Amino acid sequence: MTRPTVGRVVLFTPAKDDTNPVFALYKPPFAALVSYVLSDASVNLMVIDPEGKPVSRTCVRLIRDGDEKPADGRYCEIAKTETMPKGVAA
């Protein structure tokens, strides 16, 4: 199990009724950074909205592979890094 840490990049999916109107215009997920770890399953985030502006979201559920996604759609998951083939510069 990967534990959340401050500064970790996660992918945020807002609630269906999120108050930020910009989230309604674009398809999730959105990039976010963990700003505070509340527990292994709950974090505070600095979400980067599609226009590049920071938006805070608190007490966001962190789901992992195999976890059921919340019905209201408000959660984050740890971003997976892509593996580059050998010999390819990043």
N, C-alpha and C. Protein backbone atom coordinates (compact mmCIF):
# COMPACT_ATOMS: atom_id res chain seq x y z
N MET A 1 0.84 -1.17 0.00
CA MET A 1 0.00 0.00 0.00
C MET A 1 0.89 1.25 0.00
N THR A 2 0.63 2.14 -0.93
CA THR A 2 1.36 3.39 -0.99
C THR A 2 0.70 4.39 -0.05
N ARG A 3 1.48 4.90 0.87
CA ARG A 3 0.94 5.87 1.83
C ARG A 3 1.02 7.26 1.26
N PRO A 4 0.03 8.08 1.56
CA PRO A 4 0.07 9.45 1.06
C PRO A 4 1.13 10.26 1.80
N THR A 5 1.79 11.14 1.07
CA THR A 5 2.79 12.02 1.65
C THR A 5 2.58 13.43 1.11
N VAL A 6 2.96 14.41 1.89
CA VAL A 6 2.86 15.80 1.46
C VAL A 6 3.70 15.98 0.20
N GLY A 7 3.12 16.62 -0.80
CA GLY A 7 3.82 16.87 -2.05
C GLY A 7 3.57 15.82 -3.13
N ARG A 8 2.94 14.71 -2.76
CA ARG A 8 2.68 13.66 -3.75
C ARG A 8 1.64 14.14 -4.76
N VAL A 9 1.87 13.79 -6.02
CA VAL A 9 0.92 14.12 -7.07
C VAL A 9 -0.19 13.08 -7.06
N VAL A 10 -1.43 13.57 -7.07
CA VAL A 10 -2.60 12.70 -7.14
C VAL A 10 -3.52 13.21 -8.23
N LEU A 11 -4.47 12.39 -8.61
CA LEU A 11 -5.49 12.77 -9.58
C LEU A 11 -6.81 12.94 -8.85
N PHE A 12 -7.41 14.10 -8.99
CA PHE A 12 -8.61 14.47 -8.25
C PHE A 12 -9.84 14.41 -9.16
N THR A 13 -10.89 13.78 -8.66
CA THR A 13 -12.19 13.79 -9.32
C THR A 13 -13.15 14.52 -8.39
N PRO A 14 -13.70 15.66 -8.85
CA PRO A 14 -14.59 16.43 -7.98
C PRO A 14 -15.95 15.76 -7.83
N ALA A 15 -16.66 16.20 -6.82
CA ALA A 15 -18.04 15.75 -6.62
C ALA A 15 -18.88 16.24 -7.80
N LYS A 16 -19.94 15.54 -8.06
CA LYS A 16 -20.82 15.92 -9.16
C LYS A 16 -21.42 17.31 -8.94
N ASP A 17 -21.56 17.71 -7.68
CA ASP A 17 -22.13 19.02 -7.36
C ASP A 17 -21.08 20.00 -6.83
N ASP A 18 -19.81 19.84 -7.25
CA ASP A 18 -18.73 20.71 -6.80
C ASP A 18 -19.08 22.17 -7.13
N THR A 19 -18.71 23.07 -6.23
CA THR A 19 -19.07 24.48 -6.38
C THR A 19 -18.19 25.24 -7.38
N ASN A 20 -17.07 24.67 -7.81
CA ASN A 20 -16.21 25.35 -8.77
C ASN A 20 -16.78 25.13 -10.17
N PRO A 21 -17.30 26.19 -10.83
CA PRO A 21 -17.93 26.01 -12.14
C PRO A 21 -16.96 25.56 -13.22
N VAL A 22 -15.67 25.81 -13.06
CA VAL A 22 -14.69 25.39 -14.06
C VAL A 22 -14.63 23.87 -14.16
N PHE A 23 -14.80 23.17 -13.03
CA PHE A 23 -14.76 21.71 -13.05
C PHE A 23 -15.88 21.13 -13.92
N ALA A 24 -16.99 21.85 -14.04
CA ALA A 24 -18.11 21.36 -14.84
C ALA A 24 -17.82 21.45 -16.34
N LEU A 25 -16.87 22.28 -16.72
CA LEU A 25 -16.57 22.49 -18.14
C LEU A 25 -15.58 21.48 -18.71
N TYR A 26 -14.84 20.79 -17.84
CA TYR A 26 -13.78 19.89 -18.28
C TYR A 26 -13.97 18.50 -17.67
N LYS A 27 -13.45 17.52 -18.37
CA LYS A 27 -13.56 16.13 -17.91
C LYS A 27 -12.45 15.82 -16.90
N PRO A 28 -12.81 15.24 -15.75
CA PRO A 28 -11.78 14.85 -14.77
C PRO A 28 -11.02 13.62 -15.26
N PRO A 29 -9.91 13.31 -14.63
CA PRO A 29 -9.38 13.84 -13.37
C PRO A 29 -8.53 15.08 -13.59
N PHE A 30 -8.24 15.77 -12.46
CA PHE A 30 -7.43 16.96 -12.46
C PHE A 30 -6.19 16.73 -11.59
N ALA A 31 -5.07 17.33 -11.99
CA ALA A 31 -3.84 17.20 -11.21
C ALA A 31 -3.99 17.89 -9.87
N ALA A 32 -3.39 17.30 -8.85
CA ALA A 32 -3.44 17.89 -7.51
C ALA A 32 -2.20 17.47 -6.73
N LEU A 33 -1.87 18.26 -5.73
CA LEU A 33 -0.78 17.93 -4.81
C LEU A 33 -1.36 17.76 -3.42
N VAL A 34 -0.85 16.77 -2.71
CA VAL A 34 -1.27 16.57 -1.32
C VAL A 34 -0.63 17.68 -0.50
N SER A 35 -1.47 18.46 0.18
CA SER A 35 -0.96 19.55 1.02
C SER A 35 -0.89 19.16 2.49
N TYR A 36 -1.70 18.15 2.87
CA TYR A 36 -1.69 17.68 4.26
C TYR A 36 -2.30 16.29 4.30
N VAL A 37 -1.70 15.41 5.09
CA VAL A 37 -2.20 14.05 5.24
C VAL A 37 -2.99 13.97 6.54
N LEU A 38 -4.28 13.68 6.41
CA LEU A 38 -5.14 13.52 7.58
C LEU A 38 -5.08 12.09 8.11
N SER A 39 -5.01 11.13 7.19
CA SER A 39 -4.89 9.71 7.53
C SER A 39 -4.45 8.98 6.27
N ASP A 40 -4.31 7.66 6.34
CA ASP A 40 -3.94 6.89 5.15
C ASP A 40 -5.03 6.94 4.09
N ALA A 41 -6.24 7.36 4.47
CA ALA A 41 -7.36 7.36 3.53
C ALA A 41 -7.96 8.73 3.28
N SER A 42 -7.37 9.79 3.85
CA SER A 42 -7.96 11.12 3.70
C SER A 42 -6.86 12.18 3.66
N VAL A 43 -6.96 13.08 2.68
CA VAL A 43 -5.93 14.11 2.49
C VAL A 43 -6.56 15.45 2.15
N ASN A 44 -5.80 16.51 2.37
CA ASN A 44 -6.15 17.84 1.88
C ASN A 44 -5.34 18.06 0.60
N LEU A 45 -5.96 18.77 -0.36
CA LEU A 45 -5.33 18.93 -1.67
C LEU A 45 -5.24 20.37 -2.12
N MET A 46 -4.24 20.64 -2.95
CA MET A 46 -4.21 21.82 -3.78
C MET A 46 -4.44 21.30 -5.20
N VAL A 47 -5.64 21.49 -5.69
CA VAL A 47 -6.01 21.02 -7.02
C VAL A 47 -5.66 22.10 -8.02
N ILE A 48 -5.14 21.70 -9.17
CA ILE A 48 -4.86 22.64 -10.25
C ILE A 48 -6.03 22.55 -11.22
N ASP A 49 -6.82 23.61 -11.28
CA ASP A 49 -8.00 23.54 -12.15
C ASP A 49 -7.54 23.60 -13.61
N PRO A 50 -8.43 23.31 -14.55
CA PRO A 50 -8.05 23.25 -15.96
C PRO A 50 -7.50 24.56 -16.52
N GLU A 51 -7.72 25.66 -15.82
CA GLU A 51 -7.17 26.94 -16.25
C GLU A 51 -5.85 27.26 -15.55
N GLY A 52 -5.34 26.31 -14.76
CA GLY A 52 -4.06 26.47 -14.08
C GLY A 52 -4.13 27.19 -12.75
N LYS A 53 -5.32 27.39 -12.22
CA LYS A 53 -5.47 28.08 -10.94
C LYS A 53 -5.57 27.07 -9.81
N PRO A 54 -4.95 27.37 -8.65
CA PRO A 54 -5.05 26.46 -7.51
C PRO A 54 -6.41 26.56 -6.83
N VAL A 55 -6.92 25.41 -6.44
CA VAL A 55 -8.20 25.31 -5.73
C VAL A 55 -7.98 24.34 -4.57
N SER A 56 -8.36 24.73 -3.36
CA SER A 56 -8.17 23.81 -2.24
C SER A 56 -9.40 22.93 -2.05
N ARG A 57 -9.14 21.70 -1.67
CA ARG A 57 -10.20 20.76 -1.30
C ARG A 57 -9.70 20.00 -0.07
N THR A 58 -10.54 19.93 0.95
CA THR A 58 -10.14 19.29 2.20
C THR A 58 -10.89 17.99 2.41
N CYS A 59 -10.28 17.13 3.21
CA CYS A 59 -10.87 15.85 3.60
C CYS A 59 -11.31 15.04 2.37
N VAL A 60 -10.40 14.91 1.42
CA VAL A 60 -10.70 14.16 0.20
C VAL A 60 -10.30 12.70 0.41
N ARG A 61 -11.19 11.81 0.07
CA ARG A 61 -10.91 10.37 0.23
C ARG A 61 -9.88 9.94 -0.80
N LEU A 62 -8.85 9.24 -0.33
CA LEU A 62 -7.82 8.67 -1.19
C LEU A 62 -8.18 7.22 -1.46
N ILE A 63 -8.44 6.89 -2.72
CA ILE A 63 -8.76 5.50 -3.04
C ILE A 63 -7.55 4.85 -3.70
N ARG A 64 -7.52 3.54 -3.59
CA ARG A 64 -6.44 2.74 -4.17
C ARG A 64 -7.04 1.70 -5.10
N ASP A 65 -6.18 1.03 -5.86
CA ASP A 65 -6.65 -0.03 -6.76
C ASP A 65 -7.53 -1.00 -5.98
N GLY A 66 -8.69 -1.28 -6.52
CA GLY A 66 -9.60 -2.21 -5.88
C GLY A 66 -10.62 -1.56 -4.98
N ASP A 67 -10.37 -0.31 -4.56
CA ASP A 67 -11.35 0.40 -3.72
C ASP A 67 -12.54 0.83 -4.58
N GLU A 68 -13.70 0.84 -3.97
CA GLU A 68 -14.89 1.31 -4.66
C GLU A 68 -14.87 2.84 -4.69
N LYS A 69 -15.19 3.40 -5.85
CA LYS A 69 -15.22 4.85 -5.97
C LYS A 69 -16.49 5.39 -5.31
N PRO A 70 -16.38 6.50 -4.58
CA PRO A 70 -17.56 7.07 -3.91
C PRO A 70 -18.66 7.42 -4.91
N ALA A 71 -19.88 7.25 -4.49
CA ALA A 71 -21.03 7.51 -5.36
C ALA A 71 -21.12 8.98 -5.76
N ASP A 72 -20.69 9.90 -4.87
CA ASP A 72 -20.78 11.32 -5.20
C ASP A 72 -19.65 11.78 -6.12
N GLY A 73 -18.67 10.89 -6.37
CA GLY A 73 -17.59 11.20 -7.30
C GLY A 73 -16.43 11.98 -6.72
N ARG A 74 -16.43 12.32 -5.44
CA ARG A 74 -15.36 13.14 -4.85
C ARG A 74 -14.30 12.25 -4.23
N TYR A 75 -13.14 12.16 -4.91
CA TYR A 75 -12.05 11.33 -4.41
C TYR A 75 -10.77 11.70 -5.15
N CYS A 76 -9.66 11.14 -4.70
CA CYS A 76 -8.40 11.25 -5.43
C CYS A 76 -7.73 9.90 -5.43
N GLU A 77 -6.83 9.74 -6.37
CA GLU A 77 -6.04 8.51 -6.43
C GLU A 77 -4.61 8.88 -6.79
N ILE A 78 -3.67 8.09 -6.30
CA ILE A 78 -2.26 8.37 -6.54
C ILE A 78 -1.98 8.21 -8.03
N ALA A 79 -1.32 9.23 -8.59
CA ALA A 79 -0.99 9.21 -10.01
C ALA A 79 0.07 8.14 -10.26
N LYS A 80 -0.16 7.38 -11.29
CA LYS A 80 0.81 6.35 -11.66
C LYS A 80 1.82 6.95 -12.62
N THR A 81 3.08 6.60 -12.44
CA THR A 81 4.11 7.10 -13.35
C THR A 81 4.26 6.14 -14.51
N GLU A 82 4.48 6.70 -15.67
CA GLU A 82 4.69 5.90 -16.87
C GLU A 82 6.13 5.42 -16.88
N THR A 83 6.34 4.22 -17.35
CA THR A 83 7.69 3.69 -17.46
C THR A 83 8.19 3.92 -18.87
N MET A 84 9.33 4.59 -18.99
CA MET A 84 9.92 4.84 -20.30
C MET A 84 10.72 3.64 -20.75
N PRO A 85 10.66 3.29 -22.04
CA PRO A 85 11.49 2.19 -22.53
C PRO A 85 12.97 2.51 -22.35
N LYS A 86 13.80 1.49 -22.22
CA LYS A 86 15.24 1.68 -22.05
C LYS A 86 15.79 2.45 -23.25
N GLY A 87 16.69 3.38 -22.97
CA GLY A 87 17.33 4.14 -24.03
C GLY A 87 16.56 5.37 -24.48
N VAL A 88 15.38 5.60 -23.92
CA VAL A 88 14.59 6.77 -24.28
C VAL A 88 14.77 7.82 -23.19
N ALA A 89 15.16 9.01 -23.60
CA ALA A 89 15.34 10.09 -22.62
C ALA A 89 13.99 10.70 -22.27
N ALA A 90 13.83 11.04 -21.01
CA ALA A 90 12.57 11.64 -20.56
C ALA A 90 12.50 13.10 -20.91
